[in-house]
């Protein structure tokens, strides 16, 4: 899994308690993705664990690309600190930090490959 390290010193974070749901499959995407700064998050599709993320992991990125409902449920496995990235900040990061854009493309490509392997 590709990790995004540029947020490791981010101060504007959201604390999430262990067991708390960040979002549910089917929720409106709200044009927000998340980066795990501390802790662990599980991603589930149809109730099945598909990915376990630690610091540097990103999730919810599809909500920045389209307006369809969330395709997974994200649950904090441990207490977490998350950075919320809205569409405006995402566009800025892609424009100002080409490495960020490449990392995001790798995240998406990696997830697509793993989904193909499961078919």
C-alpha atoms as a PDB file:
ATOM      1  CA  UNK A   1       0.000   0.000   0.000  1.00  0.00           C
ATOM      2  CA  UNK A   2       1.239   3.445  -0.904  1.00  0.00           C
ATOM      3  CA  UNK A   3       1.491   5.842   2.031  1.00  0.00           C
ATOM      4  CA  UNK A   4       1.118   9.592   1.974  1.00  0.00           C
ATOM      5  CA  UNK A   5       3.748  11.099   4.283  1.00  0.00           C
ATOM      6  CA  UNK A   6       3.273  14.813   3.631  1.00  0.00           C
ATOM      7  CA  UNK A   7       0.616  15.012   6.371  1.00  0.00           C
ATOM      8  CA  UNK A   8       2.574  13.391   9.224  1.00  0.00           C
ATOM      9  CA  UNK A   9       3.108  16.784  10.958  1.00  0.00           C
ATOM     10  CA  UNK A  10      -0.375  18.121  10.203  1.00  0.00           C
ATOM     11  CA  UNK A  11      -1.871  19.928  13.176  1.00  0.00           C
ATOM     12  CA  UNK A  12      -5.434  20.334  11.869  1.00  0.00           C
ATOM     13  CA  UNK A  13      -6.688  16.803  12.528  1.00  0.00           C
ATOM     14  CA  UNK A  14      -9.880  15.125  13.664  1.00  0.00           C
ATOM     15  CA  UNK A  15      -9.790  12.677  16.573  1.00  0.00           C
ATOM     16  CA  UNK A  16     -11.763   9.484  16.046  1.00  0.00           C
ATOM     17  CA  UNK A  17     -12.371   6.970  18.844  1.00  0.00           C
ATOM     18  CA  UNK A  18     -11.702   3.268  18.408  1.00  0.00           C
ATOM     19  CA  UNK A  19     -14.781   1.603  16.943  1.00  0.00           C
ATOM     20  CA  UNK A  20     -16.221   4.856  15.575  1.00  0.00           C
ATOM     21  CA  UNK A  21     -17.527   4.827  12.007  1.00  0.00           C
ATOM     22  CA  UNK A  22     -15.989   7.554   9.835  1.00  0.00           C
ATOM     23  CA  UNK A  23     -18.505   6.950   7.045  1.00  0.00           C
ATOM     24  CA  UNK A  24     -20.770   4.150   5.859  1.00  0.00           C
ATOM     25  CA  UNK A  25     -21.162   2.466   2.518  1.00  0.00           C
ATOM     26  CA  UNK A  26     -23.994   4.284   0.746  1.00  0.00           C
ATOM     27  CA  UNK A  27     -23.454   7.627   2.540  1.00  0.00           C
ATOM     28  CA  UNK A  28     -23.187  10.757   0.401  1.00  0.00           C
ATOM     29  CA  UNK A  29     -19.544  11.295  -0.544  1.00  0.00           C
ATOM     30  CA  UNK A  30     -19.397  14.891   0.684  1.00  0.00           C
ATOM     31  CA  UNK A  31     -16.322  15.612  -1.475  1.00  0.00           C
ATOM     32  CA  UNK A  32     -13.976  14.693   1.385  1.00  0.00           C
ATOM     33  CA  UNK A  33     -11.188  12.140   1.669  1.00  0.00           C
ATOM     34  CA  UNK A  34      -9.112  11.256   4.713  1.00  0.00           C
ATOM     35  CA  UNK A  35      -5.470  10.617   5.579  1.00  0.00           C
ATOM     36  CA  UNK A  36      -4.554   8.550   8.634  1.00  0.00           C
ATOM     37  CA  UNK A  37      -1.979  10.442  10.717  1.00  0.00           C
ATOM     38  CA  UNK A  38      -2.149   8.145  13.755  1.00  0.00           C
ATOM     39  CA  UNK A  39      -4.003   4.924  14.416  1.00  0.00           C
ATOM     40  CA  UNK A  40      -5.594   2.310  12.212  1.00  0.00           C
ATOM     41  CA  UNK A  41      -8.709   2.282  10.033  1.00  0.00           C
ATOM     42  CA  UNK A  42     -10.479  -0.705   8.489  1.00  0.00           C
ATOM     43  CA  UNK A  43     -12.282  -0.424   5.149  1.00  0.00           C
ATOM     44  CA  UNK A  44     -15.188  -2.785   4.599  1.00  0.00           C
ATOM     45  CA  UNK A  45     -17.270  -3.448   1.498  1.00  0.00           C
ATOM     46  CA  UNK A  46     -20.563  -5.252   2.041  1.00  0.00           C
ATOM     47  CA  UNK A  47     -19.405  -6.006   5.573  1.00  0.00           C
ATOM     48  CA  UNK A  48     -16.181  -7.679   4.438  1.00  0.00           C
ATOM     49  CA  UNK A  49     -12.743  -6.319   5.362  1.00  0.00           C
ATOM     50  CA  UNK A  50     -10.977  -5.242   2.177  1.00  0.00           C
ATOM     51  CA  UNK A  51      -8.185  -3.073   3.541  1.00  0.00           C
ATOM     52  CA  UNK A  52      -6.466  -2.180   6.793  1.00  0.00           C
ATOM     53  CA  UNK A  53      -4.820   1.282   6.864  1.00  0.00           C
ATOM     54  CA  UNK A  54      -2.223   2.744   9.182  1.00  0.00           C
ATOM     55  CA  UNK A  55      -0.424   6.097   9.276  1.00  0.00           C
ATOM     56  CA  UNK A  56      -0.078   7.564   5.786  1.00  0.00           C
ATOM     57  CA  UNK A  57      -2.996   5.558   4.437  1.00  0.00           C
ATOM     58  CA  UNK A  58      -5.724   7.381   2.525  1.00  0.00           C
ATOM     59  CA  UNK A  59      -9.370   6.551   2.050  1.00  0.00           C
ATOM     60  CA  UNK A  60     -12.516   8.113   0.673  1.00  0.00           C
ATOM     61  CA  UNK A  61     -10.683   9.521  -2.346  1.00  0.00           C
ATOM     62  CA  UNK A  62     -13.399   8.472  -4.784  1.00  0.00           C
ATOM     63  CA  UNK A  63     -15.701  11.082  -3.215  1.00  0.00           C
ATOM     64  CA  UNK A  64     -13.427  13.753  -4.678  1.00  0.00           C
ATOM     65  CA  UNK A  65     -13.727  12.317  -8.169  1.00  0.00           C
ATOM     66  CA  UNK A  66     -17.462  11.746  -8.504  1.00  0.00           C
ATOM     67  CA  UNK A  67     -20.744  12.287  -6.696  1.00  0.00           C
ATOM     68  CA  UNK A  68     -21.874   8.700  -6.174  1.00  0.00           C
ATOM     69  CA  UNK A  69     -22.435   7.367  -2.642  1.00  0.00           C
ATOM     70  CA  UNK A  70     -19.526   5.963  -0.613  1.00  0.00           C
ATOM     71  CA  UNK A  71     -18.504   2.502  -1.842  1.00  0.00           C
ATOM     72  CA  UNK A  72     -17.120   1.317   1.512  1.00  0.00           C
ATOM     73  CA  UNK A  73     -17.494   1.698   5.251  1.00  0.00           C
ATOM     74  CA  UNK A  74     -14.540   3.134   7.194  1.00  0.00           C
ATOM     75  CA  UNK A  75     -14.244   2.222  10.876  1.00  0.00           C
ATOM     76  CA  UNK A  76     -11.497   3.269  13.275  1.00  0.00           C
ATOM     77  CA  UNK A  77      -9.871   0.076  14.525  1.00  0.00           C
ATOM     78  CA  UNK A  78      -7.915   2.091  17.106  1.00  0.00           C
ATOM     79  CA  UNK A  79      -8.087   5.692  18.279  1.00  0.00           C
ATOM     80  CA  UNK A  80      -7.077   7.782  15.279  1.00  0.00           C
ATOM     81  CA  UNK A  81      -6.110  11.225  14.144  1.00  0.00           C
ATOM     82  CA  UNK A  82      -7.308  11.908  10.603  1.00  0.00           C
ATOM     83  CA  UNK A  83      -6.716  14.765   8.199  1.00  0.00           C
ATOM     84  CA  UNK A  84      -9.798  15.690   6.186  1.00  0.00           C
ATOM     85  CA  UNK A  85      -9.038  16.762   2.630  1.00  0.00           C
ATOM     86  CA  UNK A  86     -11.830  18.634   0.875  1.00  0.00           C
ATOM     87  CA  UNK A  87     -12.011  19.154  -2.874  1.00  0.00           C
ATOM     88  CA  UNK A  88     -10.423  22.615  -2.755  1.00  0.00           C
ATOM     89  CA  UNK A  89      -7.405  21.404  -0.772  1.00  0.00           C
ATOM     90  CA  UNK A  90      -7.111  18.285  -2.946  1.00  0.00           C
ATOM     91  CA  UNK A  91      -6.936  20.416  -6.098  1.00  0.00           C
ATOM     92  CA  UNK A  92      -4.320  22.649  -4.477  1.00  0.00           C
ATOM     93  CA  UNK A  93      -2.218  19.641  -3.430  1.00  0.00           C
ATOM     94  CA  UNK A  94      -2.399  18.094  -6.896  1.00  0.00           C
ATOM     95  CA  UNK A  95      -1.409  21.405  -8.478  1.00  0.00           C
ATOM     96  CA  UNK A  96       1.370  22.337  -6.059  1.00  0.00           C
ATOM     97  CA  UNK A  97       2.746  18.901  -5.200  1.00  0.00           C
ATOM     98  CA  UNK A  98       3.086  16.629  -8.240  1.00  0.00           C
ATOM     99  CA  UNK A  99       4.379  13.826  -6.010  1.00  0.00           C
ATOM    100  CA  UNK A 100       1.061  13.879  -4.120  1.00  0.00           C
ATOM    101  CA  UNK A 101      -0.830  13.429  -7.389  1.00  0.00           C
ATOM    102  CA  UNK A 102       1.360  10.454  -8.324  1.00  0.00           C
ATOM    103  CA  UNK A 103       0.862   8.875  -4.913  1.00  0.00           C
ATOM    104  CA  UNK A 104      -2.912   9.268  -5.202  1.00  0.00           C
ATOM    105  CA  UNK A 105      -2.876   7.615  -8.639  1.00  0.00           C
ATOM    106  CA  UNK A 106      -0.860   4.745  -7.146  1.00  0.00           C
ATOM    107  CA  UNK A 107      -3.400   4.336  -4.334  1.00  0.00           C
ATOM    108  CA  UNK A 108      -6.244   4.111  -6.843  1.00  0.00           C
ATOM    109  CA  UNK A 109      -4.316   1.764  -9.165  1.00  0.00           C
ATOM    110  CA  UNK A 110      -3.347  -0.491  -6.251  1.00  0.00           C
ATOM    111  CA  UNK A 111      -6.955  -0.746  -5.078  1.00  0.00           C
ATOM    112  CA  UNK A 112      -8.195  -1.508  -8.586  1.00  0.00           C
ATOM    113  CA  UNK A 113      -5.618  -4.272  -9.005  1.00  0.00           C
ATOM    114  CA  UNK A 114      -6.578  -5.853  -5.690  1.00  0.00           C
ATOM    115  CA  UNK A 115     -10.262  -5.719  -6.617  1.00  0.00           C
ATOM    116  CA  UNK A 116      -9.480  -7.378  -9.979  1.00  0.00           C
ATOM    117  CA  UNK A 117      -7.545 -10.114  -8.170  1.00  0.00           C
ATOM    118  CA  UNK A 118     -10.633 -10.909  -6.091  1.00  0.00           C
ATOM    119  CA  UNK A 119     -12.846 -11.452  -9.132  1.00  0.00           C
END
